[in-house]
Amino acid sequence: MTTTTAVTVRVPAKVNLQLAVGPAREDGYHDLVNVFHAVALFDEVTVTGARTRATGGPAELTAEDASGGALAAHVARVPLDSTNLAWRAAELLAHEAGARQPVRLHVRKAIPVAGGMAGGSADAAAALVACDAFWGTGLDRGRLLELAARLGSDVAFPLVGGTAVGTGRGEVLAPARCATRLHWAFALSEGGLSTPGVFGAYDRLRPDAPRPRADPALMAALEAGDAAGVGAALSNDLQPAAVSLRPVLAESLEAGRAAGALGAFVSGSGPTCAFLAESAEHAERVAAAVRTASDCTHAVTAYGDVPGAVIR
């Protein structure tokens, strides 16, 4: 094993440029076509050694707000025990690799909690990379991706970043080319939305959901670097369900559209709303506009795509 004393991994948030959702499967999951896009809004996970556990794996998890106080209420909702995906990632890797040294995990959060941007999944991906480096287990990327898929549908993508098409539950990834930098504004909400709850509402609203398919217009616009074309093709099958559970999201979406956003949609299962802008300056103007919406407690800007989890 290694004598490394600390490893910090930075990992990005994601937005779903397309989220096509099929009918519920017998195992309770849904077949998806999920066009992931990593954006420059980052969490960091730091792993250090611990002496308070007899066997390998996590002994403690702590979290802090990396946004200057804007996400304090979000961070207060982060579970600090074995229900946390980052904790489970460290525990799984310890079991699979036979690592005996216990560790402490510390998460610095700038990705909203339960916000539809895969913050928990990103932290799990970062924990896999950080613990692999800390313990010196030397697992290759393919093996880490297998472990990520076992942890959750969205955990694999933050390992690779960029832009990718996810199929199956979203864990089977194929890289996609985004030939231009895309600029984004995000409207964050105080409370989260339960992903299972949003999928349940989707099943009620769309009992006849068709099999999901990739949108050729979106993929062509990404390949061509056509931001306006990307904006016109953005779609999320879960958006009606999310808005049905939180109708005030419609106000945030309308505020972004009124500010000239190229596209406005609920990110993943929500409640974060995402807005594609023409430029970094336009993204700042859109962010200022959506801050006036009653459900928006904080608005940030970012760009994409960016790489996945990296050791700092």
Protein backbone atom coordinates (compact mmCIF):
# COMPACT_ATOMS: atom_id res chain seq x y z
CA MET A 1 0.00 0.00 0.00
CA THR A 2 0.98 3.64 -0.39
CA THR A 3 2.31 6.15 2.16
CA THR A 4 0.27 8.99 0.65
CA THR A 5 -1.18 11.19 3.44
CA ALA A 6 -3.99 12.90 1.50
CA VAL A 7 -5.58 12.81 -1.96
CA THR A 8 -7.99 15.44 -3.29
CA VAL A 9 -10.11 14.85 -6.38
CA ARG A 10 -12.11 17.52 -8.21
CA VAL A 11 -15.26 16.38 -10.01
CA PRO A 12 -17.79 18.25 -12.17
CA ALA A 13 -21.56 18.60 -12.13
CA LYS A 14 -23.60 17.49 -15.11
CA VAL A 15 -26.60 18.65 -17.09
CA ASN A 16 -28.66 16.39 -19.33
CA LEU A 17 -28.91 17.87 -22.81
CA GLN A 18 -31.43 15.15 -23.57
CA LEU A 19 -33.13 12.89 -21.05
CA ALA A 20 -35.43 10.46 -22.84
CA VAL A 21 -37.19 8.09 -20.45
CA GLY A 22 -38.81 4.80 -21.39
CA PRO A 23 -41.49 2.91 -19.47
CA ALA A 24 -40.71 1.38 -16.08
CA ARG A 25 -38.93 -1.98 -16.26
CA GLU A 26 -39.66 -5.01 -14.12
CA ASP A 27 -36.66 -4.17 -11.93
CA GLY A 28 -38.08 -0.71 -11.21
CA TYR A 29 -35.58 1.15 -13.37
CA HIS A 30 -36.25 2.89 -16.69
CA ASP A 31 -34.38 2.57 -19.96
CA LEU A 32 -32.85 5.95 -20.75
CA VAL A 33 -31.14 7.89 -23.47
CA ASN A 34 -29.22 10.41 -21.44
CA VAL A 35 -26.93 12.94 -23.15
CA PHE A 36 -24.63 13.95 -20.30
CA HIS A 37 -22.64 17.20 -20.41
CA ALA A 38 -20.08 18.04 -17.70
CA VAL A 39 -19.98 21.67 -16.58
CA ALA A 40 -17.45 23.73 -14.63
CA LEU A 41 -19.21 23.56 -11.29
CA PHE A 42 -17.06 21.37 -9.06
CA ASP A 43 -17.11 19.42 -5.82
CA GLU A 44 -13.87 18.26 -4.20
CA VAL A 45 -13.42 15.08 -2.16
CA THR A 46 -10.33 14.74 0.04
CA VAL A 47 -9.28 11.40 1.51
CA THR A 48 -6.98 11.16 4.54
CA GLY A 49 -6.04 8.34 6.87
CA ALA A 50 -7.99 7.52 10.02
CA ARG A 51 -7.33 5.41 13.12
CA THR A 52 -10.86 4.94 14.41
CA ARG A 53 -11.99 1.84 12.56
CA ALA A 54 -10.78 -1.73 12.82
CA THR A 55 -11.26 -2.56 9.14
CA GLY A 56 -10.65 -0.66 5.94
CA GLY A 57 -13.13 1.82 4.51
CA PRO A 58 -14.60 5.10 5.69
CA ALA A 59 -14.43 6.02 9.36
CA GLU A 60 -15.83 9.54 9.04
CA LEU A 61 -17.38 11.87 6.45
CA THR A 62 -17.57 15.65 6.73
CA ALA A 63 -18.90 18.30 4.33
CA GLU A 64 -18.51 22.03 3.85
CA ASP A 65 -19.96 24.71 1.61
CA ALA A 66 -17.49 25.77 -1.09
CA SER A 67 -19.77 28.50 -2.47
CA GLY A 68 -19.25 31.21 0.14
CA GLY A 69 -22.43 30.42 2.04
CA ALA A 70 -24.88 30.16 -0.85
CA LEU A 71 -25.24 26.40 -0.44
CA ALA A 72 -25.24 26.26 3.36
CA ALA A 73 -28.78 24.87 3.46
CA HIS A 74 -27.85 22.31 0.80
CA VAL A 75 -24.76 21.14 2.67
CA ALA A 76 -26.81 20.79 5.85
CA ARG A 77 -28.81 18.08 4.03
CA VAL A 78 -25.74 16.01 3.08
CA PRO A 79 -25.87 12.67 4.95
CA LEU A 80 -22.66 12.04 6.86
CA ASP A 81 -23.03 8.28 7.28
CA SER A 82 -23.22 5.10 5.24
CA THR A 83 -26.25 6.39 3.32
CA ASN A 84 -23.96 8.87 1.53
CA LEU A 85 -22.89 7.67 -1.93
CA ALA A 86 -19.30 8.79 -1.39
CA TRP A 87 -19.15 6.72 1.81
CA ARG A 88 -20.61 3.73 -0.04
CA ALA A 89 -18.06 4.21 -2.84
CA ALA A 90 -15.15 4.08 -0.39
CA GLU A 91 -16.67 1.07 1.35
CA LEU A 92 -17.18 -0.76 -1.95
CA LEU A 93 -13.64 -0.09 -3.14
CA ALA A 94 -12.19 -1.21 0.20
CA HIS A 95 -14.13 -4.46 -0.06
CA GLU A 96 -13.25 -5.11 -3.71
CA ALA A 97 -9.55 -4.23 -3.38
CA GLY A 98 -8.95 -5.58 0.11
CA ALA A 99 -7.85 -2.20 1.46
CA ARG A 100 -7.39 -2.32 5.23
CA GLN A 101 -6.54 1.28 6.11
CA PRO A 102 -9.55 3.32 7.29
CA VAL A 103 -10.04 6.78 5.81
CA ARG A 104 -11.77 10.08 6.43
CA LEU A 105 -13.69 11.69 3.57
CA HIS A 106 -14.16 15.46 3.35
CA VAL A 107 -16.44 16.94 0.69
CA ARG A 108 -16.32 20.59 -0.41
CA LYS A 109 -19.59 21.20 -2.24
CA ALA A 110 -20.40 23.65 -4.99
CA ILE A 111 -22.89 21.32 -6.72
CA PRO A 112 -26.44 21.57 -5.32
CA VAL A 113 -27.81 18.71 -3.24
CA ALA A 114 -30.77 16.81 -4.73
CA GLY A 115 -30.73 19.36 -7.53
CA GLY A 116 -30.68 17.20 -10.65
CA MET A 117 -26.97 17.85 -11.33
CA ALA A 118 -25.63 14.53 -9.95
CA GLY A 119 -23.86 16.08 -6.97
CA GLY A 120 -24.04 12.93 -4.87
CA SER A 121 -23.03 10.77 -7.82
CA ALA A 122 -20.12 13.10 -8.57
CA ASP A 123 -18.91 12.78 -4.98
CA ALA A 124 -19.09 8.98 -5.25
CA ALA A 125 -17.02 9.06 -8.45
CA ALA A 126 -14.48 11.35 -6.77
CA ALA A 127 -14.32 9.05 -3.74
CA LEU A 128 -13.55 6.07 -5.99
CA VAL A 129 -10.67 7.90 -7.67
CA ALA A 130 -9.34 9.40 -4.43
CA CYS A 131 -9.46 6.14 -2.47
CA ASP A 132 -7.90 4.22 -5.35
CA ALA A 133 -4.97 6.67 -5.32
CA PHE A 134 -4.76 6.84 -1.50
CA TRP A 135 -4.72 3.07 -1.04
CA GLY A 136 -2.62 2.48 -4.13
CA THR A 137 -5.01 -0.18 -5.34
CA GLY A 138 -4.18 0.57 -8.98
CA LEU A 139 -7.57 -0.25 -10.49
CA ASP A 140 -7.84 0.66 -14.16
CA ARG A 141 -10.52 3.01 -15.45
CA GLY A 142 -12.66 0.14 -16.73
CA ARG A 143 -12.81 -1.45 -13.29
CA LEU A 144 -13.65 1.88 -11.65
CA LEU A 145 -16.46 2.33 -14.17
CA GLU A 146 -17.83 -1.10 -13.25
CA LEU A 147 -17.86 -0.17 -9.57
CA ALA A 148 -19.45 3.18 -10.40
CA ALA A 149 -22.29 1.45 -12.26
CA ARG A 150 -22.95 -0.72 -9.20
CA LEU A 151 -23.28 2.38 -7.03
CA GLY A 152 -25.81 4.23 -9.20
CA SER A 153 -26.92 5.14 -12.70
CA ASP A 154 -25.21 8.56 -12.74
CA VAL A 155 -21.93 7.66 -11.01
CA ALA A 156 -20.03 6.49 -14.09
CA PHE A 157 -20.31 9.73 -16.07
CA PRO A 158 -18.43 12.02 -13.63
CA LEU A 159 -15.44 9.69 -13.96
CA VAL A 160 -15.13 10.48 -17.68
CA GLY A 161 -16.73 13.92 -18.06
CA GLY A 162 -16.94 15.70 -21.38
CA THR A 163 -20.13 14.91 -23.27
CA ALA A 164 -21.44 11.36 -23.54
CA VAL A 165 -24.56 9.40 -24.39
CA GLY A 166 -25.71 7.13 -21.59
CA THR A 167 -28.00 4.20 -22.28
CA GLY A 168 -29.38 1.36 -20.18
CA ARG A 169 -29.99 3.02 -16.83
CA GLY A 170 -27.58 5.73 -17.98
CA GLU A 171 -24.45 3.86 -16.92
CA VAL A 172 -23.45 2.56 -20.40
CA LEU A 173 -21.50 5.47 -21.87
CA ALA A 174 -20.44 6.37 -25.40
CA PRO A 175 -18.42 9.57 -25.87
CA ALA A 176 -19.93 12.35 -27.96
CA ARG A 177 -18.23 15.39 -29.48
CA CYS A 178 -19.21 18.89 -28.43
CA ALA A 179 -17.43 21.12 -30.92
CA THR A 180 -17.95 24.40 -29.08
CA ARG A 181 -17.86 25.74 -25.55
CA LEU A 182 -21.39 26.05 -24.18
CA HIS A 183 -22.25 28.72 -21.61
CA TRP A 184 -24.80 28.09 -18.89
CA ALA A 185 -26.75 29.74 -16.09
CA PHE A 186 -28.33 27.67 -13.33
CA ALA A 187 -31.16 28.63 -10.99
CA LEU A 188 -30.84 26.77 -7.69
CA SER A 189 -33.69 26.10 -5.29
CA GLU A 190 -33.73 25.80 -1.52
CA GLY A 191 -35.22 22.32 -1.33
CA GLY A 192 -34.57 19.22 -3.40
CA LEU A 193 -36.79 16.90 -5.37
CA SER A 194 -36.72 13.17 -4.78
CA THR A 195 -35.52 11.37 -7.90
CA PRO A 196 -37.77 8.33 -7.20
CA GLY A 197 -40.66 10.73 -6.60
CA VAL A 198 -40.12 12.46 -9.94
CA PHE A 199 -39.89 9.13 -11.78
CA GLY A 200 -43.08 8.01 -10.02
CA ALA A 201 -44.85 11.15 -11.22
CA TYR A 202 -43.49 10.53 -14.73
CA ASP A 203 -44.96 7.01 -14.72
CA ARG A 204 -48.34 8.42 -13.74
CA LEU A 205 -48.20 11.12 -16.41
CA ARG A 206 -46.76 8.89 -19.16
CA PRO A 207 -48.10 5.34 -18.71
CA ASP A 208 -47.67 4.87 -22.47
CA ALA A 209 -44.06 6.14 -22.63
CA PRO A 210 -42.29 4.97 -25.81
CA ARG A 211 -38.82 3.46 -25.93
CA PRO A 212 -36.23 6.24 -25.63
CA ARG A 213 -34.24 7.31 -28.67
CA ALA A 214 -31.40 9.77 -29.19
CA ASP A 215 -32.36 13.01 -30.91
CA PRO A 216 -30.39 13.27 -34.18
CA ALA A 217 -30.91 17.06 -34.28
CA LEU A 218 -29.19 17.46 -30.91
CA MET A 219 -26.29 15.21 -31.83
CA ALA A 220 -25.80 17.01 -35.15
CA ALA A 221 -25.82 20.42 -33.45
CA LEU A 222 -23.23 19.26 -30.90
CA GLU A 223 -21.02 17.86 -33.66
CA ALA A 224 -21.32 21.10 -35.64
CA GLY A 225 -20.68 23.35 -32.65
CA ASP A 226 -24.04 25.04 -33.20
CA ALA A 227 -25.08 26.44 -29.81
CA ALA A 228 -28.40 27.75 -31.10
CA GLY A 229 -29.16 24.33 -32.57
CA VAL A 230 -28.29 22.68 -29.26
CA GLY A 231 -30.62 25.11 -27.48
CA ALA A 232 -33.48 24.31 -29.83
CA ALA A 233 -33.03 20.56 -29.32
CA LEU A 234 -32.66 20.44 -25.51
CA SER A 235 -35.26 18.13 -23.94
CA ASN A 236 -36.09 16.44 -20.66
CA ASP A 237 -38.93 13.92 -20.42
CA LEU A 238 -38.93 14.36 -16.62
CA GLN A 239 -39.60 18.10 -16.77
CA PRO A 240 -43.43 17.87 -16.75
CA ALA A 241 -43.22 15.54 -13.75
CA ALA A 242 -40.84 17.84 -11.88
CA VAL A 243 -43.00 20.89 -12.60
CA SER A 244 -46.13 19.00 -11.52
CA LEU A 245 -44.49 18.39 -8.14
CA ARG A 246 -43.06 21.92 -7.91
CA PRO A 247 -45.18 24.23 -10.11
CA VAL A 248 -43.16 27.33 -9.19
CA LEU A 249 -40.34 26.01 -11.41
CA ALA A 250 -42.32 27.33 -14.36
CA GLU A 251 -41.58 30.87 -13.14
CA SER A 252 -37.82 30.28 -13.22
CA LEU A 253 -38.02 28.75 -16.70
CA GLU A 254 -40.03 31.70 -18.01
CA ALA A 255 -37.60 34.22 -16.49
CA GLY A 256 -34.72 32.58 -18.34
CA ARG A 257 -36.61 32.48 -21.63
CA ALA A 258 -37.52 36.14 -21.26
CA ALA A 259 -33.81 36.93 -20.83
CA GLY A 260 -33.11 35.35 -24.22
CA ALA A 261 -31.81 31.95 -23.19
CA LEU A 262 -31.21 29.67 -26.17
CA GLY A 263 -32.81 26.87 -24.18
CA ALA A 264 -34.43 26.54 -20.75
CA PHE A 265 -35.17 23.26 -19.00
CA VAL A 266 -35.22 21.45 -15.68
CA SER A 267 -31.92 19.69 -15.07
CA GLY A 268 -32.39 15.95 -14.60
CA SER A 269 -35.03 15.29 -11.96
CA GLY A 270 -34.78 18.90 -10.76
CA PRO A 271 -35.34 21.28 -9.17
CA THR A 272 -32.30 23.10 -10.61
CA CYS A 273 -33.21 24.89 -13.83
CA ALA A 274 -30.60 25.21 -16.58
CA PHE A 275 -30.34 27.90 -19.26
CA LEU A 276 -28.11 27.80 -22.32
CA ALA A 277 -26.71 31.24 -23.18
CA GLU A 278 -25.03 32.78 -26.19
CA SER A 279 -21.83 33.71 -24.33
CA ALA A 280 -20.33 34.02 -20.86
CA GLU A 281 -21.61 37.59 -20.64
CA HIS A 282 -25.09 36.56 -21.70
CA ALA A 283 -25.03 33.77 -19.10
CA GLU A 284 -24.42 36.39 -16.41
CA ARG A 285 -27.41 38.39 -17.65
CA VAL A 286 -29.61 35.31 -17.65
CA ALA A 287 -28.45 34.47 -14.13
CA ALA A 288 -29.38 37.98 -12.98
CA ALA A 289 -32.83 37.61 -14.53
CA VAL A 290 -33.61 34.23 -12.99
CA ARG A 291 -32.59 35.46 -9.52
CA THR A 292 -35.88 37.38 -9.52
CA ALA A 293 -37.93 34.16 -9.70
CA SER A 294 -39.52 33.25 -6.38
CA ASP A 295 -38.09 29.71 -6.30
CA CYS A 296 -34.52 30.76 -7.15
CA THR A 297 -32.37 31.14 -4.04
CA HIS A 298 -29.06 31.36 -5.89
CA ALA A 299 -27.94 31.52 -9.53
CA VAL A 300 -24.54 30.56 -10.91
CA THR A 301 -22.86 30.40 -14.30
CA ALA A 302 -20.59 27.75 -15.76
CA TYR A 303 -19.34 26.43 -19.07
CA GLY A 304 -18.96 23.00 -20.61
CA ASP A 305 -17.86 20.57 -21.45
CA VAL A 306 -15.06 19.85 -18.96
CA PRO A 307 -13.09 16.71 -18.03
CA GLY A 308 -14.26 14.25 -15.41
CA ALA A 309 -12.75 13.45 -12.01
CA VAL A 310 -9.10 14.51 -11.69
CA ILE A 311 -6.58 14.35 -8.85
CA ARG A 312 -5.49 17.82 -7.84
